[in-house]
């Protein structure tokens, strides 16, 4: 075979029939001839019942290197009007498939596709997974762990004490709240829970005064 010989690419001739791969007989013949120009292909009409409308063909394929395969096929007029031609192609396609020129398995025709000479082969791939987003309610969510109060640092304690003095002095709610909220940036969740408990008490302490001031404003 010459170096500039173009190799036959069978994948370019694969047909997809309802999710299954199928290589037509014509492509199988081209593939075999491409690799073995001297291959011998013979078909023989073994039986033909014209009254009942059915026939039996045998096909033989012999490769120059010694490869050989035989296959038979039957076809009836009820399933396919040109049953002689189809039966001959079916037998030849099977024989070629036995030599590796096909879709791996060569069985009876697919009744849903009367122009197909043998059964398409399903790809051995997993079924596609759904791409629909998973909604939160589709999967149970564990409740978040409760946050336990944590001891405050000395600096945090001093700030809370300062806020307490402001509340006792009937300072404005906004001033007390702003002072305590300034601790949130550096506080851990547990420390902030402790600070929030102090904050609620101190704001409640100075709230009546804020209501009175607000009413006079």
Protein backbone atom coordinates (compact mmCIF):
# COMPACT_ATOMS: atom_id res chain seq x y z
CA UNK A 1 0.00 0.00 0.00
CA UNK A 2 1.48 3.37 -1.00
CA UNK A 3 2.47 5.94 1.62
CA UNK A 4 0.03 8.52 0.19
CA UNK A 5 -2.89 6.09 0.56
CA UNK A 6 -5.81 7.79 2.32
CA UNK A 7 -7.06 5.64 5.17
CA UNK A 8 -10.81 5.09 5.30
CA UNK A 9 -12.41 6.82 8.28
CA UNK A 10 -15.39 4.70 9.25
CA UNK A 11 -16.50 7.15 11.96
CA UNK A 12 -17.40 9.66 9.24
CA UNK A 13 -20.00 7.22 7.88
CA UNK A 14 -21.61 6.17 11.17
CA UNK A 15 -25.32 6.92 11.29
CA UNK A 16 -27.24 7.56 14.49
CA UNK A 17 -30.59 5.80 14.62
CA UNK A 18 -32.53 6.53 17.79
CA UNK A 19 -29.35 6.73 19.86
CA UNK A 20 -27.65 3.72 18.26
CA UNK A 21 -24.67 3.52 15.93
CA UNK A 22 -25.10 1.99 12.48
CA UNK A 23 -22.58 1.61 9.66
CA UNK A 24 -24.33 1.10 6.28
CA UNK A 25 -23.29 -1.85 4.12
CA UNK A 26 -22.03 0.46 1.37
CA UNK A 27 -19.60 2.02 3.85
CA UNK A 28 -18.47 -1.43 5.00
CA UNK A 29 -17.68 -2.41 1.44
CA UNK A 30 -15.71 0.81 0.86
CA UNK A 31 -13.84 0.28 4.13
CA UNK A 32 -12.87 -3.28 3.21
CA UNK A 33 -11.88 -2.31 -0.35
CA UNK A 34 -9.81 0.57 1.01
CA UNK A 35 -7.74 -1.77 3.15
CA UNK A 36 -7.90 -4.84 0.89
CA UNK A 37 -8.41 -3.91 -2.77
CA UNK A 38 -8.03 -7.57 -3.75
CA UNK A 39 -10.69 -8.86 -1.35
CA UNK A 40 -13.19 -11.28 -2.89
CA UNK A 41 -16.88 -10.83 -2.09
CA UNK A 42 -19.43 -13.38 -3.31
CA UNK A 43 -23.17 -13.69 -2.74
CA UNK A 44 -25.35 -16.69 -3.57
CA UNK A 45 -29.12 -16.96 -3.67
CA UNK A 46 -29.69 -20.18 -1.73
CA UNK A 47 -33.49 -20.26 -1.68
CA UNK A 48 -36.23 -18.17 -3.26
CA UNK A 49 -39.90 -18.84 -2.66
CA UNK A 50 -41.67 -16.50 -5.06
CA UNK A 51 -45.11 -17.76 -4.02
CA UNK A 52 -44.68 -16.92 -0.36
CA UNK A 53 -42.32 -14.03 -1.08
CA UNK A 54 -39.15 -14.82 0.86
CA UNK A 55 -35.53 -15.68 0.11
CA UNK A 56 -32.27 -16.83 1.66
CA UNK A 57 -28.84 -15.46 0.68
CA UNK A 58 -25.34 -16.51 1.60
CA UNK A 59 -22.35 -14.17 1.41
CA UNK A 60 -18.63 -14.90 1.53
CA UNK A 61 -15.79 -12.44 1.99
CA UNK A 62 -12.17 -13.54 1.57
CA UNK A 63 -9.20 -11.29 2.30
CA UNK A 64 -5.83 -11.67 0.50
CA UNK A 65 -4.07 -12.20 3.82
CA UNK A 66 -6.26 -15.19 4.59
CA UNK A 67 -9.19 -13.73 6.46
CA UNK A 68 -12.51 -15.35 5.58
CA UNK A 69 -16.10 -15.01 6.76
CA UNK A 70 -19.47 -16.36 5.69
CA UNK A 71 -22.97 -15.25 6.64
CA UNK A 72 -26.58 -15.90 5.67
CA UNK A 73 -29.68 -13.77 5.77
CA UNK A 74 -33.39 -14.13 5.09
CA UNK A 75 -35.90 -11.55 4.01
CA UNK A 76 -39.59 -11.54 3.09
CA UNK A 77 -41.62 -9.38 0.77
CA UNK A 78 -44.05 -8.40 3.52
CA UNK A 79 -41.38 -6.47 5.43
CA UNK A 80 -39.59 -5.04 2.39
CA UNK A 81 -40.82 -4.97 -1.23
CA UNK A 82 -37.29 -5.21 -2.71
CA UNK A 83 -36.56 -8.18 -0.46
CA UNK A 84 -34.06 -9.86 -2.82
CA UNK A 85 -31.75 -6.83 -2.90
CA UNK A 86 -32.09 -6.25 0.80
CA UNK A 87 -31.43 -9.89 1.66
CA UNK A 88 -28.25 -9.91 -0.43
CA UNK A 89 -26.99 -6.69 1.19
CA UNK A 90 -27.86 -7.97 4.63
CA UNK A 91 -25.87 -11.17 4.18
CA UNK A 92 -22.86 -9.28 2.81
CA UNK A 93 -23.03 -6.72 5.62
CA UNK A 94 -23.02 -9.51 8.17
CA UNK A 95 -20.02 -11.22 6.63
CA UNK A 96 -18.10 -7.94 6.58
CA UNK A 97 -19.11 -7.34 10.16
CA UNK A 98 -17.63 -10.71 11.14
CA UNK A 99 -14.31 -9.49 9.73
CA UNK A 100 -14.48 -6.28 11.77
CA UNK A 101 -16.06 -4.01 9.18
CA UNK A 102 -19.28 -3.04 10.90
CA UNK A 103 -20.94 -2.01 14.12
CA UNK A 104 -19.53 -4.92 16.14
CA UNK A 105 -22.67 -7.09 16.13
CA UNK A 106 -24.64 -8.12 13.06
CA UNK A 107 -28.12 -9.41 13.77
CA UNK A 108 -31.58 -9.34 12.25
CA UNK A 109 -32.89 -6.19 10.64
CA UNK A 110 -34.53 -3.49 12.68
CA UNK A 111 -38.26 -3.77 11.86
CA UNK A 112 -38.78 -0.09 12.60
CA UNK A 113 -36.25 0.78 9.85
CA UNK A 114 -36.99 -1.45 6.82
CA UNK A 115 -34.14 0.09 4.80
CA UNK A 116 -31.56 -0.99 7.40
CA UNK A 117 -29.84 -4.30 6.68
CA UNK A 118 -28.84 -5.13 10.25
CA UNK A 119 -29.41 -3.97 13.78
CA UNK A 120 -27.86 -0.67 14.92
CA UNK A 121 -25.63 -1.02 17.95
CA UNK A 122 -26.15 0.97 21.11
CA UNK A 123 -23.17 2.95 22.36
CA UNK A 124 -21.77 1.72 25.65
CA UNK A 125 -22.11 5.05 27.39
CA UNK A 126 -23.95 6.00 30.58
CA UNK A 127 -27.32 7.65 30.31
CA UNK A 128 -27.08 11.46 30.33
CA UNK A 129 -27.49 13.01 33.72
CA UNK A 130 -30.09 15.66 34.26
CA UNK A 131 -28.75 19.20 34.07
CA UNK A 132 -31.69 20.63 36.00
CA UNK A 133 -30.55 22.57 39.06
CA UNK A 134 -31.17 20.89 42.39
CA UNK A 135 -33.58 22.88 44.45
CA UNK A 136 -32.84 23.27 48.17
CA UNK A 137 -35.99 21.34 49.10
CA UNK A 138 -34.84 18.35 47.02
CA UNK A 139 -32.07 17.55 49.49
CA UNK A 140 -32.51 17.65 53.27
CA UNK A 141 -30.37 20.27 54.93
CA UNK A 142 -28.94 19.72 58.38
CA UNK A 143 -29.89 22.53 60.78
CA UNK A 144 -26.98 24.86 61.58
CA UNK A 145 -25.23 24.23 64.86
CA UNK A 146 -26.18 26.77 67.55
CA UNK A 147 -23.56 29.39 68.37
CA UNK A 148 -22.48 29.33 71.99
CA UNK A 149 -21.53 32.54 73.77
CA UNK A 150 -17.79 33.04 74.27
CA UNK A 151 -15.83 35.07 76.82
CA UNK A 152 -14.82 38.56 75.74
CA UNK A 153 -11.31 39.93 75.59
CA UNK A 154 -10.22 42.66 78.00
CA UNK A 155 -10.56 45.28 75.29
CA UNK A 156 -14.07 44.11 74.46
CA UNK A 157 -15.01 44.12 78.16
CA UNK A 158 -13.79 47.73 78.48
CA UNK A 159 -15.91 48.77 75.49
CA UNK A 160 -18.98 47.08 76.93
CA UNK A 161 -18.34 48.80 80.26
CA UNK A 162 -18.11 52.13 78.46
CA UNK A 163 -21.41 51.45 76.70
CA UNK A 164 -22.97 50.55 80.09
CA UNK A 165 -21.86 53.89 81.52
CA UNK A 166 -23.38 55.66 78.52
CA UNK A 167 -26.68 53.85 79.04
CA UNK A 168 -26.73 54.67 82.75
CA UNK A 169 -26.07 58.28 81.84
CA UNK A 170 -29.16 58.09 79.62
CA UNK A 171 -27.12 58.62 76.47
CA UNK A 172 -28.85 58.19 73.10
CA UNK A 173 -29.64 54.70 71.82
CA UNK A 174 -27.71 55.45 68.63
CA UNK A 175 -24.48 56.22 70.49
CA UNK A 176 -24.66 53.06 72.62
CA UNK A 177 -25.57 50.89 69.63
CA UNK A 178 -22.81 52.32 67.45
CA UNK A 179 -20.20 51.73 70.13
CA UNK A 180 -21.17 48.09 70.60
CA UNK A 181 -21.50 47.43 66.86
CA UNK A 182 -17.91 48.60 66.39
CA UNK A 183 -16.84 45.39 68.17
CA UNK A 184 -18.44 43.13 65.56
CA UNK A 185 -15.60 43.42 63.03
CA UNK A 186 -12.99 41.71 65.22
CA UNK A 187 -15.33 39.51 67.27
CA UNK A 188 -15.86 35.78 66.76
CA UNK A 189 -19.46 34.55 66.29
CA UNK A 190 -19.48 33.41 69.94
CA UNK A 191 -18.11 36.72 71.20
CA UNK A 192 -20.62 38.65 69.12
CA UNK A 193 -23.42 36.61 70.68
CA UNK A 194 -22.17 37.68 74.12
CA UNK A 195 -21.89 41.32 73.00
CA UNK A 196 -25.37 41.18 71.48
CA UNK A 197 -26.81 40.04 74.81
CA UNK A 198 -25.21 43.09 76.53
CA UNK A 199 -26.37 45.32 73.68
CA UNK A 200 -30.02 44.26 74.02
CA UNK A 201 -30.02 45.00 77.78
CA UNK A 202 -28.29 48.35 77.45
CA UNK A 203 -30.51 49.57 74.61
CA UNK A 204 -33.60 48.55 76.61
CA UNK A 205 -32.24 50.55 79.56
CA UNK A 206 -31.89 53.78 77.62
CA UNK A 207 -34.88 53.23 75.32
CA UNK A 208 -37.47 55.16 77.44
CA UNK A 209 -35.21 58.19 77.43
CA UNK A 210 -34.84 57.90 73.65
CA UNK A 211 -38.62 57.75 73.27
CA UNK A 212 -38.97 60.92 75.39
CA UNK A 213 -36.21 62.72 73.49
CA UNK A 214 -37.72 61.63 70.21
CA UNK A 215 -41.10 62.97 71.24
CA UNK A 216 -39.65 66.39 72.18
CA UNK A 217 -37.63 66.68 68.99
